[in-house]
Amino acid sequence: ITRGSTTTYADSVQGRFTISRDNAKNMVYLQMNSLKPED
């Protein structure tokens, strides 16, 4: 994720994971849904 919140994902997680950031709090997050054993 860029400073302007443009995102990219690996093909293996596309549609399941979401990256986000809060620049004011100096935090970045990764929401992981539909998890698989290979994760």
Full PDB file with SEQRES, HELIX, SHEET, SSBOND, CRYST1, ORIGX, SCALE, CONECT and MASTER records, all heavy atoms in Angstrom:
SEQRES   1 A   39  ILE THR ARG GLY SER THR THR THR TYR ALA ASP SER VAL          
SEQRES   2 A   39  GLN GLY ARG PHE THR ILE SER ARG ASP ASN ALA LYS ASN          
SEQRES   3 A   39  MET VAL TYR LEU GLN MET ASN SER LEU LYS PRO GLU ASP          
SHEET    1 AA1 2 PHE A  17  ASP A  22  0                                        
SHEET    2 AA1 2 MET A  27  MET A  32 -1                                        
CRYST1    1.000    1.000    1.000  90.00  90.00  90.00 P 1           1          
ORIGX1      1.000000  0.000000  0.000000        0.00000                         
ORIGX2      0.000000  1.000000  0.000000        0.00000                         
ORIGX3      0.000000  0.000000  1.000000        0.00000                         
SCALE1      1.000000  0.000000  0.000000        0.00000                         
SCALE2      0.000000  1.000000  0.000000        0.00000                         
SCALE3      0.000000  0.000000  1.000000        0.00000                         
ATOM      1  N   ILE A   1       0.847  -1.184   0.000  1.00  0.00           N  
ATOM      2  CA  ILE A   1       0.000   0.000   0.000  1.00  0.00           C  
ATOM      3  C   ILE A   1       0.885   1.237   0.000  1.00  0.00           C  
ATOM      4  O   ILE A   1       1.837   1.334   0.766  1.00  0.00           O  
ATOM      5  CB  ILE A   1      -0.975  -0.011   1.203  1.00  0.00           C  
ATOM      6  CG1 ILE A   1      -1.928   1.183   1.131  1.00  0.00           C  
ATOM      7  CG2 ILE A   1      -0.217  -0.041   2.525  1.00  0.00           C  
ATOM      8  CD1 ILE A   1      -3.109   1.055   2.086  1.00  0.00           C  
ATOM      9  N   THR A   2       0.582   2.174  -0.884  1.00  0.00           N  
ATOM     10  CA  THR A   2       1.348   3.410  -0.960  1.00  0.00           C  
ATOM     11  C   THR A   2       0.854   4.405   0.069  1.00  0.00           C  
ATOM     12  O   THR A   2      -0.155   4.192   0.735  1.00  0.00           O  
ATOM     13  CB  THR A   2       1.247   4.034  -2.357  1.00  0.00           C  
ATOM     14  OG1 THR A   2      -0.091   4.506  -2.565  1.00  0.00           O  
ATOM     15  CG2 THR A   2       1.608   3.029  -3.440  1.00  0.00           C  
ATOM     16  N   ARG A   3       1.568   5.518   0.173  1.00  0.00           N  
ATOM     17  CA  ARG A   3       1.158   6.566   1.093  1.00  0.00           C  
ATOM     18  C   ARG A   3      -0.210   7.122   0.714  1.00  0.00           C  
ATOM     19  O   ARG A   3      -0.961   7.567   1.579  1.00  0.00           O  
ATOM     20  CB  ARG A   3       2.211   7.676   1.109  1.00  0.00           C  
ATOM     21  CG  ARG A   3       2.077   8.667   2.230  1.00  0.00           C  
ATOM     22  CD  ARG A   3       3.431   9.259   2.581  1.00  0.00           C  
ATOM     23  NE  ARG A   3       4.140   9.741   1.413  1.00  0.00           N  
ATOM     24  CZ  ARG A   3       5.417  10.123   1.417  1.00  0.00           C  
ATOM     25  NH1 ARG A   3       6.111  10.075   2.544  1.00  0.00           N  
ATOM     26  NH2 ARG A   3       5.994  10.543   0.296  1.00  0.00           N  
ATOM     27  N   GLY A   4      -0.527   7.064  -0.576  1.00  0.00           N  
ATOM     28  CA  GLY A   4      -1.820   7.505  -1.061  1.00  0.00           C  
ATOM     29  C   GLY A   4      -2.878   6.421  -1.068  1.00  0.00           C  
ATOM     30  O   GLY A   4      -3.953   6.621  -1.635  1.00  0.00           O  
ATOM     31  N   SER A   5      -2.570   5.262  -0.486  1.00  0.00           N  
ATOM     32  CA  SER A   5      -3.504   4.147  -0.305  1.00  0.00           C  
ATOM     33  C   SER A   5      -3.818   3.387  -1.583  1.00  0.00           C  
ATOM     34  O   SER A   5      -4.871   2.756  -1.695  1.00  0.00           O  
ATOM     35  CB  SER A   5      -4.803   4.624   0.356  1.00  0.00           C  
ATOM     36  OG  SER A   5      -4.557   5.093   1.669  1.00  0.00           O  
ATOM     37  N   THR A   6      -2.919   3.413  -2.554  1.00  0.00           N  
ATOM     38  CA  THR A   6      -3.025   2.527  -3.703  1.00  0.00           C  
ATOM     39  C   THR A   6      -2.499   1.154  -3.300  1.00  0.00           C  
ATOM     40  O   THR A   6      -1.418   1.048  -2.718  1.00  0.00           O  
ATOM     41  CB  THR A   6      -2.225   3.065  -4.892  1.00  0.00           C  
ATOM     42  OG1 THR A   6      -2.749   4.333  -5.281  1.00  0.00           O  
ATOM     43  CG2 THR A   6      -2.301   2.105  -6.073  1.00  0.00           C  
ATOM     44  N   THR A   7      -3.239   0.105  -3.607  1.00  0.00           N  
ATOM     45  CA  THR A   7      -2.900  -1.234  -3.125  1.00  0.00           C  
ATOM     46  C   THR A   7      -2.603  -2.208  -4.249  1.00  0.00           C  
ATOM     47  O   THR A   7      -3.080  -2.059  -5.374  1.00  0.00           O  
ATOM     48  CB  THR A   7      -4.038  -1.806  -2.275  1.00  0.00           C  
ATOM     49  OG1 THR A   7      -5.230  -1.892  -3.074  1.00  0.00           O  
ATOM     50  CG2 THR A   7      -4.315  -0.921  -1.069  1.00  0.00           C  
ATOM     51  N   THR A   8      -1.808  -3.219  -3.924  1.00  0.00           N  
ATOM     52  CA  THR A   8      -1.566  -4.353  -4.794  1.00  0.00           C  
ATOM     53  C   THR A   8      -1.613  -5.616  -3.950  1.00  0.00           C  
ATOM     54  O   THR A   8      -1.336  -5.580  -2.754  1.00  0.00           O  
ATOM     55  CB  THR A   8      -0.215  -4.275  -5.522  1.00  0.00           C  
ATOM     56  OG1 THR A   8       0.847  -4.283  -4.556  1.00  0.00           O  
ATOM     57  CG2 THR A   8      -0.113  -3.019  -6.368  1.00  0.00           C  
ATOM     58  N   TYR A   9      -1.933  -6.747  -4.594  1.00  0.00           N  
ATOM     59  CA  TYR A   9      -2.055  -8.010  -3.888  1.00  0.00           C  
ATOM     60  C   TYR A   9      -1.435  -9.139  -4.691  1.00  0.00           C  
ATOM     61  O   TYR A   9      -1.453  -9.131  -5.922  1.00  0.00           O  
ATOM     62  CB  TYR A   9      -3.520  -8.355  -3.621  1.00  0.00           C  
ATOM     63  CG  TYR A   9      -4.229  -7.370  -2.738  1.00  0.00           C  
ATOM     64  CD1 TYR A   9      -4.923  -6.293  -3.277  1.00  0.00           C  
ATOM     65  CD2 TYR A   9      -4.203  -7.519  -1.353  1.00  0.00           C  
ATOM     66  CE1 TYR A   9      -5.575  -5.386  -2.460  1.00  0.00           C  
ATOM     67  CE2 TYR A   9      -4.853  -6.616  -0.536  1.00  0.00           C  
ATOM     68  CZ  TYR A   9      -5.536  -5.548  -1.088  1.00  0.00           C  
ATOM     69  OH  TYR A   9      -6.180  -4.653  -0.276  1.00  0.00           O  
ATOM     70  N   ALA A  10      -0.918 -10.124  -3.977  1.00  0.00           N  
ATOM     71  CA  ALA A  10      -0.512 -11.354  -4.616  1.00  0.00           C  
ATOM     72  C   ALA A  10      -1.750 -12.076  -5.129  1.00  0.00           C  
ATOM     73  O   ALA A  10      -2.833 -11.982  -4.538  1.00  0.00           O  
ATOM     74  CB  ALA A  10       0.244 -12.245  -3.637  1.00  0.00           C  
ATOM     75  N   ASP A  11      -1.596 -12.806  -6.234  1.00  0.00           N  
ATOM     76  CA  ASP A  11      -2.736 -13.518  -6.804  1.00  0.00           C  
ATOM     77  C   ASP A  11      -3.369 -14.486  -5.804  1.00  0.00           C  
ATOM     78  O   ASP A  11      -4.583 -14.690  -5.810  1.00  0.00           O  
ATOM     79  CB  ASP A  11      -2.307 -14.286  -8.049  1.00  0.00           C  
ATOM     80  CG  ASP A  11      -1.981 -13.377  -9.218  1.00  0.00           C  
ATOM     81  OD1 ASP A  11      -2.389 -12.197  -9.198  1.00  0.00           O  
ATOM     82  OD2 ASP A  11      -1.323 -13.850 -10.163  1.00  0.00           O  
ATOM     83  N   SER A  12      -2.551 -15.069  -4.950  1.00  0.00           N  
ATOM     84  CA  SER A  12      -3.033 -16.074  -4.018  1.00  0.00           C  
ATOM     85  C   SER A  12      -3.956 -15.526  -2.941  1.00  0.00           C  
ATOM     86  O   SER A  12      -4.699 -16.294  -2.314  1.00  0.00           O  
ATOM     87  CB  SER A  12      -1.850 -16.789  -3.358  1.00  0.00           C  
ATOM     88  OG  SER A  12      -1.032 -15.864  -2.665  1.00  0.00           O  
ATOM     89  N   VAL A  13      -3.926 -14.210  -2.712  1.00  0.00           N  
ATOM     90  CA  VAL A  13      -4.753 -13.614  -1.666  1.00  0.00           C  
ATOM     91  C   VAL A  13      -5.762 -12.623  -2.217  1.00  0.00           C  
ATOM     92  O   VAL A  13      -6.592 -12.105  -1.456  1.00  0.00           O  
ATOM     93  CB  VAL A  13      -3.899 -12.930  -0.583  1.00  0.00           C  
ATOM     94  CG1 VAL A  13      -2.869 -13.901  -0.029  1.00  0.00           C  
ATOM     95  CG2 VAL A  13      -3.215 -11.679  -1.128  1.00  0.00           C  
ATOM     96  N   GLN A  14      -5.712 -12.347  -3.501  1.00  0.00           N  
ATOM     97  CA  GLN A  14      -6.620 -11.393  -4.130  1.00  0.00           C  
ATOM     98  C   GLN A  14      -8.066 -11.778  -3.854  1.00  0.00           C  
ATOM     99  O   GLN A  14      -8.472 -12.922  -4.062  1.00  0.00           O  
ATOM    100  CB  GLN A  14      -6.366 -11.332  -5.636  1.00  0.00           C  
ATOM    101  CG  GLN A  14      -7.235 -10.328  -6.379  1.00  0.00           C  
ATOM    102  CD  GLN A  14      -6.808  -8.902  -6.125  1.00  0.00           C  
ATOM    103  OE1 GLN A  14      -5.609  -8.581  -6.187  1.00  0.00           O  
ATOM    104  NE2 GLN A  14      -7.763  -8.037  -5.815  1.00  0.00           N  
ATOM    105  N   GLY A  15      -8.836 -10.830  -3.380  1.00  0.00           N  
ATOM    106  CA  GLY A  15     -10.236 -11.071  -3.089  1.00  0.00           C  
ATOM    107  C   GLY A  15     -10.505 -11.567  -1.689  1.00  0.00           C  
ATOM    108  O   GLY A  15     -11.665 -11.569  -1.251  1.00  0.00           O  
ATOM    109  N   ARG A  16      -9.466 -11.994  -0.975  1.00  0.00           N  
ATOM    110  CA  ARG A  16      -9.627 -12.496   0.384  1.00  0.00           C  
ATOM    111  C   ARG A  16      -8.997 -11.584   1.427  1.00  0.00           C  
ATOM    112  O   ARG A  16      -9.506 -11.473   2.543  1.00  0.00           O  
ATOM    113  CB  ARG A  16      -9.019 -13.892   0.522  1.00  0.00           C  
ATOM    114  CG  ARG A  16      -9.658 -14.938  -0.379  1.00  0.00           C  
ATOM    115  CD  ARG A  16      -9.147 -16.331  -0.063  1.00  0.00           C  
ATOM    116  NE  ARG A  16      -7.709 -16.453  -0.307  1.00  0.00           N  
ATOM    117  CZ  ARG A  16      -6.819 -16.776   0.623  1.00  0.00           C  
ATOM    118  NH1 ARG A  16      -7.219 -17.025   1.864  1.00  0.00           N  
ATOM    119  NH2 ARG A  16      -5.535 -16.875   0.311  1.00  0.00           N  
ATOM    120  N   PHE A  17      -7.880 -10.957   1.073  1.00  0.00           N  
ATOM    121  CA  PHE A  17      -7.155 -10.088   2.001  1.00  0.00           C  
ATOM    122  C   PHE A  17      -7.336  -8.633   1.599  1.00  0.00           C  
ATOM    123  O   PHE A  17      -7.458  -8.309   0.411  1.00  0.00           O  
ATOM    124  CB  PHE A  17      -5.666 -10.404   1.998  1.00  0.00           C  
ATOM    125  CG  PHE A  17      -5.281 -11.737   2.586  1.00  0.00           C  
ATOM    126  CD1 PHE A  17      -6.242 -12.682   2.919  1.00  0.00           C  
ATOM    127  CD2 PHE A  17      -3.949 -12.034   2.793  1.00  0.00           C  
ATOM    128  CE1 PHE A  17      -5.881 -13.905   3.452  1.00  0.00           C  
ATOM    129  CE2 PHE A  17      -3.579 -13.254   3.328  1.00  0.00           C  
ATOM    130  CZ  PHE A  17      -4.535 -14.190   3.655  1.00  0.00           C  
ATOM    131  N   THR A  18      -7.307  -7.749   2.587  1.00  0.00           N  
ATOM    132  CA  THR A  18      -7.387  -6.317   2.347  1.00  0.00           C  
ATOM    133  C   THR A  18      -6.346  -5.601   3.194  1.00  0.00           C  
ATOM    134  O   THR A  18      -6.320  -5.762   4.412  1.00  0.00           O  
ATOM    135  CB  THR A  18      -8.779  -5.759   2.676  1.00  0.00           C  
ATOM    136  OG1 THR A  18      -9.774  -6.432   1.902  1.00  0.00           O  
ATOM    137  CG2 THR A  18      -8.834  -4.266   2.360  1.00  0.00           C  
ATOM    138  N   ILE A  19      -5.486  -4.824   2.543  1.00  0.00           N  
ATOM    139  CA  ILE A  19      -4.501  -4.030   3.251  1.00  0.00           C  
ATOM    140  C   ILE A  19      -5.010  -2.599   3.359  1.00  0.00           C  
ATOM    141  O   ILE A  19      -5.641  -2.080   2.435  1.00  0.00           O  
ATOM    142  CB  ILE A  19      -3.122  -4.080   2.551  1.00  0.00           C  
ATOM    143  CG1 ILE A  19      -2.056  -3.392   3.409  1.00  0.00           C  
ATOM    144  CG2 ILE A  19      -3.183  -3.474   1.158  1.00  0.00           C  
ATOM    145  CD1 ILE A  19      -0.635  -3.575   2.879  1.00  0.00           C  
ATOM    146  N   SER A  20      -4.750  -1.968   4.483  1.00  0.00           N  
ATOM    147  CA  SER A  20      -5.160  -0.587   4.690  1.00  0.00           C  
ATOM    148  C   SER A  20      -4.153   0.093   5.610  1.00  0.00           C  
ATOM    149  O   SER A  20      -3.330  -0.568   6.245  1.00  0.00           O  
ATOM    150  CB  SER A  20      -6.573  -0.502   5.279  1.00  0.00           C  
ATOM    151  OG  SER A  20      -6.632  -1.145   6.541  1.00  0.00           O  
ATOM    152  N   ARG A  21      -4.211   1.411   5.681  1.00  0.00           N  
ATOM    153  CA  ARG A  21      -3.297   2.138   6.557  1.00  0.00           C  
ATOM    154  C   ARG A  21      -3.967   3.374   7.108  1.00  0.00           C  
ATOM    155  O   ARG A  21      -4.890   3.930   6.515  1.00  0.00           O  
ATOM    156  CB  ARG A  21      -2.004   2.512   5.819  1.00  0.00           C  
ATOM    157  CG  ARG A  21      -2.161   3.540   4.708  1.00  0.00           C  
ATOM    158  CD  ARG A  21      -0.887   3.654   3.874  1.00  0.00           C  
ATOM    159  NE  ARG A  21       0.224   4.233   4.625  1.00  0.00           N  
ATOM    160  CZ  ARG A  21       1.484   4.284   4.182  1.00  0.00           C  
ATOM    161  NH1 ARG A  21       1.797   3.759   3.000  1.00  0.00           N  
ATOM    162  NH2 ARG A  21       2.433   4.845   4.928  1.00  0.00           N  
ATOM    163  N   ASP A  22      -3.485   3.793   8.254  1.00  0.00           N  
ATOM    164  CA  ASP A  22      -3.915   5.013   8.896  1.00  0.00           C  
ATOM    165  C   ASP A  22      -2.657   5.833   9.122  1.00  0.00           C  
ATOM    166  O   ASP A  22      -1.907   5.596  10.067  1.00  0.00           O  
ATOM    167  CB  ASP A  22      -4.635   4.720  10.210  1.00  0.00           C  
ATOM    168  CG  ASP A  22      -5.239   5.959  10.845  1.00  0.00           C  
ATOM    169  OD1 ASP A  22      -4.734   7.075  10.603  1.00  0.00           O  
ATOM    170  OD2 ASP A  22      -6.215   5.822  11.596  1.00  0.00           O  
ATOM    171  N   ASN A  23      -2.405   6.771   8.237  1.00  0.00           N  
ATOM    172  CA  ASN A  23      -1.170   7.546   8.308  1.00  0.00           C  
ATOM    173  C   ASN A  23      -1.075   8.386   9.581  1.00  0.00           C  
ATOM    174  O   ASN A  23       0.012   8.591  10.119  1.00  0.00           O  
ATOM    175  CB  ASN A  23      -1.047   8.449   7.079  1.00  0.00           C  
ATOM    176  CG  ASN A  23      -0.852   7.672   5.800  1.00  0.00           C  
ATOM    177  OD1 ASN A  23      -0.288   6.575   5.810  1.00  0.00           O  
ATOM    178  ND2 ASN A  23      -1.314   8.217   4.683  1.00  0.00           N  
ATOM    179  N   ALA A  24      -2.205   8.874  10.053  1.00  0.00           N  
ATOM    180  CA  ALA A  24      -2.207   9.691  11.265  1.00  0.00           C  
ATOM    181  C   ALA A  24      -1.782   8.885  12.483  1.00  0.00           C  
ATOM    182  O   ALA A  24      -1.176   9.421  13.410  1.00  0.00           O  
ATOM    183  CB  ALA A  24      -3.584  10.305  11.493  1.00  0.00           C  
ATOM    184  N   LYS A  25      -2.105   7.590  12.496  1.00  0.00           N  
ATOM    185  CA  LYS A  25      -1.761   6.722  13.615  1.00  0.00           C  
ATOM    186  C   LYS A  25      -0.511   5.890  13.367  1.00  0.00           C  
ATOM    187  O   LYS A  25      -0.112   5.109  14.228  1.00  0.00           O  
ATOM    188  CB  LYS A  25      -2.927   5.791  13.942  1.00  0.00           C  
ATOM    189  CG  LYS A  25      -4.174   6.501  14.434  1.00  0.00           C  
ATOM    190  CD  LYS A  25      -5.264   5.512  14.784  1.00  0.00           C  
ATOM    191  CE  LYS A  25      -6.484   6.208  15.335  1.00  0.00           C  
ATOM    192  NZ  LYS A  25      -7.557   5.251  15.687  1.00  0.00           N  
ATOM    193  N   ASN A  26       0.088   6.040  12.185  1.00  0.00           N  
ATOM    194  CA  ASN A  26       1.275   5.268  11.815  1.00  0.00           C  
ATOM    195  C   ASN A  26       1.020   3.766  11.912  1.00  0.00           C  
ATOM    196  O   ASN A  26       1.834   3.012  12.445  1.00  0.00           O  
ATOM    197  CB  ASN A  26       2.469   5.663  12.684  1.00  0.00           C  
ATOM    198  CG  ASN A  26       2.758   7.139  12.636  1.00  0.00           C  
ATOM    199  OD1 ASN A  26       2.766   7.745  11.568  1.00  0.00           O  
ATOM    200  ND2 ASN A  26       2.996   7.732  13.803  1.00  0.00           N  
ATOM    201  N   MET A  27      -0.115   3.341  11.381  1.00  0.00           N  
ATOM    202  CA  MET A  27      -0.521   1.945  11.444  1.00  0.00           C  
ATOM    203  C   MET A  27      -0.844   1.419  10.052  1.00  0.00           C  
ATOM    204  O   MET A  27      -1.335   2.154   9.189  1.00  0.00           O  
ATOM    205  CB  MET A  27      -1.757   1.770  12.325  1.00  0.00           C  
ATOM    206  CG  MET A  27      -1.571   2.176  13.774  1.00  0.00           C  
ATOM    207  SD  MET A  27      -0.623   0.952  14.707  1.00  0.00           S  
ATOM    208  CE  MET A  27      -1.781  -0.401  14.766  1.00  0.00           C  
ATOM    209  N   VAL A  28      -0.574   0.146   9.846  1.00  0.00           N  
ATOM    210  CA  VAL A  28      -1.002  -0.552   8.649  1.00  0.00           C  
ATOM    211  C   VAL A  28      -1.650  -1.859   9.088  1.00  0.00           C  
ATOM    212  O   VAL A  28      -1.229  -2.467  10.075  1.00  0.00           O  
ATOM    213  CB  VAL A  28       0.170  -0.793   7.671  1.00  0.00           C  
ATOM    214  CG1 VAL A  28       1.228  -1.691   8.293  1.00  0.00           C  
ATOM    215  CG2 VAL A  28      -0.338  -1.368   6.362  1.00  0.00           C  
ATOM    216  N   TYR A  29      -2.674  -2.279   8.359  1.00  0.00           N  
ATOM    217  CA  TYR A  29      -3.458  -3.443   8.744  1.00  0.00           C  
ATOM    218  C   TYR A  29      -3.565  -4.425   7.586  1.00  0.00           C  
ATOM    219  O   TYR A  29      -3.448  -4.057   6.420  1.00  0.00           O  
ATOM    220  CB  TYR A  29      -4.869  -3.034   9.159  1.00  0.00           C  
ATOM    221  CG  TYR A  29      -4.908  -1.950  10.213  1.00  0.00           C  
ATOM    222  CD1 TYR A  29      -5.028  -0.611   9.854  1.00  0.00           C  
ATOM    223  CD2 TYR A  29      -4.825  -2.264  11.562  1.00  0.00           C  
ATOM    224  CE1 TYR A  29      -5.061   0.386  10.809  1.00  0.00           C  
ATOM    225  CE2 TYR A  29      -4.858  -1.271  12.527  1.00  0.00           C  
ATOM    226  CZ  TYR A  29      -4.978   0.050  12.149  1.00  0.00           C  
ATOM    227  OH  TYR A  29      -5.008   1.030  13.110  1.00  0.00           O  
ATOM    228  N   LEU A  30      -3.817  -5.668   7.928  1.00  0.00           N  
ATOM    229  CA  LEU A  30      -4.108  -6.687   6.934  1.00  0.00           C  
ATOM    230  C   LEU A  30      -5.300  -7.493   7.419  1.00  0.00           C  
ATOM    231  O   LEU A  30      -5.181  -8.272   8.363  1.00  0.00           O  
ATOM    232  CB  LEU A  30      -2.908  -7.610   6.703  1.00  0.00           C  
ATOM    233  CG  LEU A  30      -3.086  -8.644   5.588  1.00  0.00           C  
ATOM    234  CD1 LEU A  30      -3.141  -7.952   4.231  1.00  0.00           C  
ATOM    235  CD2 LEU A  30      -1.961  -9.677   5.611  1.00  0.00           C  
ATOM    236  N   GLN A  31      -6.440  -7.276   6.785  1.00  0.00           N  
ATOM    237  CA  GLN A  31      -7.635  -8.045   7.087  1.00  0.00           C  
ATOM    238  C   GLN A  31      -7.619  -9.306   6.240  1.00  0.00           C  
ATOM    239  O   GLN A  31      -7.576  -9.224   5.010  1.00  0.00           O  
ATOM    240  CB  GLN A  31      -8.896  -7.228   6.795  1.00  0.00           C  
ATOM    241  CG  GLN A  31     -10.194  -7.975   7.042  1.00  0.00           C  
ATOM    242  CD  GLN A  31     -10.417  -8.294   8.496  1.00  0.00           C  
ATOM    243  OE1 GLN A  31     -10.235  -7.445   9.358  1.00  0.00           O  
ATOM    244  NE2 GLN A  31     -10.800  -9.530   8.784  1.00  0.00           N  
ATOM    245  N   MET A  32      -7.647 -10.459   6.881  1.00  0.00           N  
ATOM    246  CA  MET A  32      -7.553 -11.738   6.190  1.00  0.00           C  
ATOM    247  C   MET A  32      -8.850 -12.506   6.388  1.00  0.00           C  
ATOM    248  O   MET A  32      -9.197 -12.872   7.515  1.00  0.00           O  
ATOM    249  CB  MET A  32      -6.366 -12.543   6.708  1.00  0.00           C  
ATOM    250  CG  MET A  32      -5.039 -11.801   6.628  1.00  0.00           C  
ATOM    251  SD  MET A  32      -3.635 -12.833   7.143  1.00  0.00           S  
ATOM    252  CE  MET A  32      -4.035 -13.055   8.881  1.00  0.00           C  
ATOM    253  N   ASN A  33      -9.554 -12.752   5.308  1.00  0.00           N  
ATOM    254  CA  ASN A  33     -10.806 -13.495   5.330  1.00  0.00           C  
ATOM    255  C   ASN A  33     -10.664 -14.787   4.537  1.00  0.00           C  
ATOM    256  O   ASN A  33      -9.750 -14.938   3.729  1.00  0.00           O  
ATOM    257  CB  ASN A  33     -11.943 -12.658   4.747  1.00  0.00           C  
ATOM    258  CG  ASN A  33     -12.214 -11.398   5.527  1.00  0.00           C  
ATOM    259  OD1 ASN A  33     -12.090 -11.367   6.750  1.00  0.00           O  
ATOM    260  ND2 ASN A  33     -12.606 -10.339   4.816  1.00  0.00           N  
ATOM    261  N   SER A  34     -11.586 -15.711   4.765  1.00  0.00           N  
ATOM    262  CA  SER A  34     -11.596 -16.996   4.057  1.00  0.00           C  
ATOM    263  C   SER A  34     -10.228 -17.657   4.089  1.00  0.00           C  
ATOM    264  O   SER A  34      -9.703 -18.109   3.065  1.00  0.00           O  
ATOM    265  CB  SER A  34     -12.067 -16.793   2.608  1.00  0.00           C  
ATOM    266  OG  SER A  34     -13.354 -16.219   2.569  1.00  0.00           O  
ATOM    267  N   LEU A  35      -9.653 -17.729   5.257  1.00  0.00           N  
ATOM    268  CA  LEU A  35      -8.304 -18.252   5.400  1.00  0.00           C  
ATOM    269  C   LEU A  35      -8.228 -19.726   5.031  1.00  0.00           C  
ATOM    270  O   LEU A  35      -9.153 -20.496   5.275  1.00  0.00           O  
ATOM    271  CB  LEU A  35      -7.803 -18.043   6.825  1.00  0.00           C  
ATOM    272  CG  LEU A  35      -7.372 -16.607   7.133  1.00  0.00           C  
ATOM    273  CD1 LEU A  35      -7.308 -16.373   8.636  1.00  0.00           C  
ATOM    274  CD2 LEU A  35      -6.009 -16.322   6.498  1.00  0.00           C  
ATOM    275  N   LYS A  36      -7.100 -20.086   4.439  1.00  0.00           N  
ATOM    276  CA  LYS A  36      -6.830 -21.449   4.005  1.00  0.00           C  
ATOM    277  C   LYS A  36      -5.592 -21.975   4.720  1.00  0.00           C  
ATOM    278  O   LYS A  36      -4.739 -21.191   5.136  1.00  0.00           O  
ATOM    279  CB  LYS A  36      -6.590 -21.488   2.488  1.00  0.00           C  
ATOM    280  CG  LYS A  36      -7.708 -20.904   1.652  1.00  0.00           C  
ATOM    281  CD  LYS A  36      -7.319 -20.867   0.184  1.00  0.00           C  
ATOM    282  CE  LYS A  36      -8.412 -20.273  -0.671  1.00  0.00           C  
ATOM    283  NZ  LYS A  36      -8.029 -20.224  -2.102  1.00  0.00           N  
ATOM    284  N   PRO A  37      -5.459 -23.292   4.846  1.00  0.00           N  
ATOM    285  CA  PRO A  37      -4.252 -23.844   5.477  1.00  0.00           C  
ATOM    286  C   PRO A  37      -2.964 -23.363   4.824  1.00  0.00           C  
ATOM    287  O   PRO A  37      -1.958 -23.179   5.518  1.00  0.00           O  
ATOM    288  CB  PRO A  37      -4.436 -25.354   5.321  1.00  0.00           C  
ATOM    289  CG  PRO A  37      -5.911 -25.542   5.318  1.00  0.00           C  
ATOM    290  CD  PRO A  37      -6.448 -24.351   4.562  1.00  0.00           C  
ATOM    291  N   GLU A  38      -2.975 -23.141   3.520  1.00  0.00           N  
ATOM    292  CA  GLU A  38      -1.782 -22.676   2.834  1.00  0.00           C  
ATOM    293  C   GLU A  38      -1.416 -21.234   3.158  1.00  0.00           C  
ATOM    294  O   GLU A  38      -0.359 -20.753   2.754  1.00  0.00           O  
ATOM    295  CB  GLU A  38      -1.917 -22.850   1.311  1.00  0.00           C  
ATOM    296  CG  GLU A  38      -3.202 -22.288   0.743  1.00  0.00           C  
ATOM    297  CD  GLU A  38      -4.272 -23.352   0.560  1.00  0.00           C  
ATOM    298  OE1 GLU A  38      -4.455 -24.184   1.474  1.00  0.00           O  
ATOM    299  OE2 GLU A  38      -4.928 -23.355  -0.505  1.00  0.00           O  
ATOM    300  N   ASP A  39      -2.273 -20.529   3.890  1.00  0.00           N  
ATOM    301  CA  ASP A  39      -1.943 -19.191   4.364  1.00  0.00           C  
ATOM    302  C   ASP A  39      -1.077 -19.224   5.617  1.00  0.00           C  
ATOM    303  O   ASP A  39      -0.607 -18.175   6.067  1.00  0.00           O  
ATOM    304  CB  ASP A  39      -3.212 -18.390   4.661  1.00  0.00           C  
ATOM    305  CG  ASP A  39      -4.037 -18.103   3.420  1.00  0.00           C  
ATOM    306  OD1 ASP A  39      -3.451 -17.780   2.366  1.00  0.00           O  
ATOM    307  OD2 ASP A  39      -5.281 -18.183   3.508  1.00  0.00           O  
TER     308      ASP A  39                                                      
MASTER        0    0    0    0    2    0    0    6  307    1    0    3          
END                                                                             
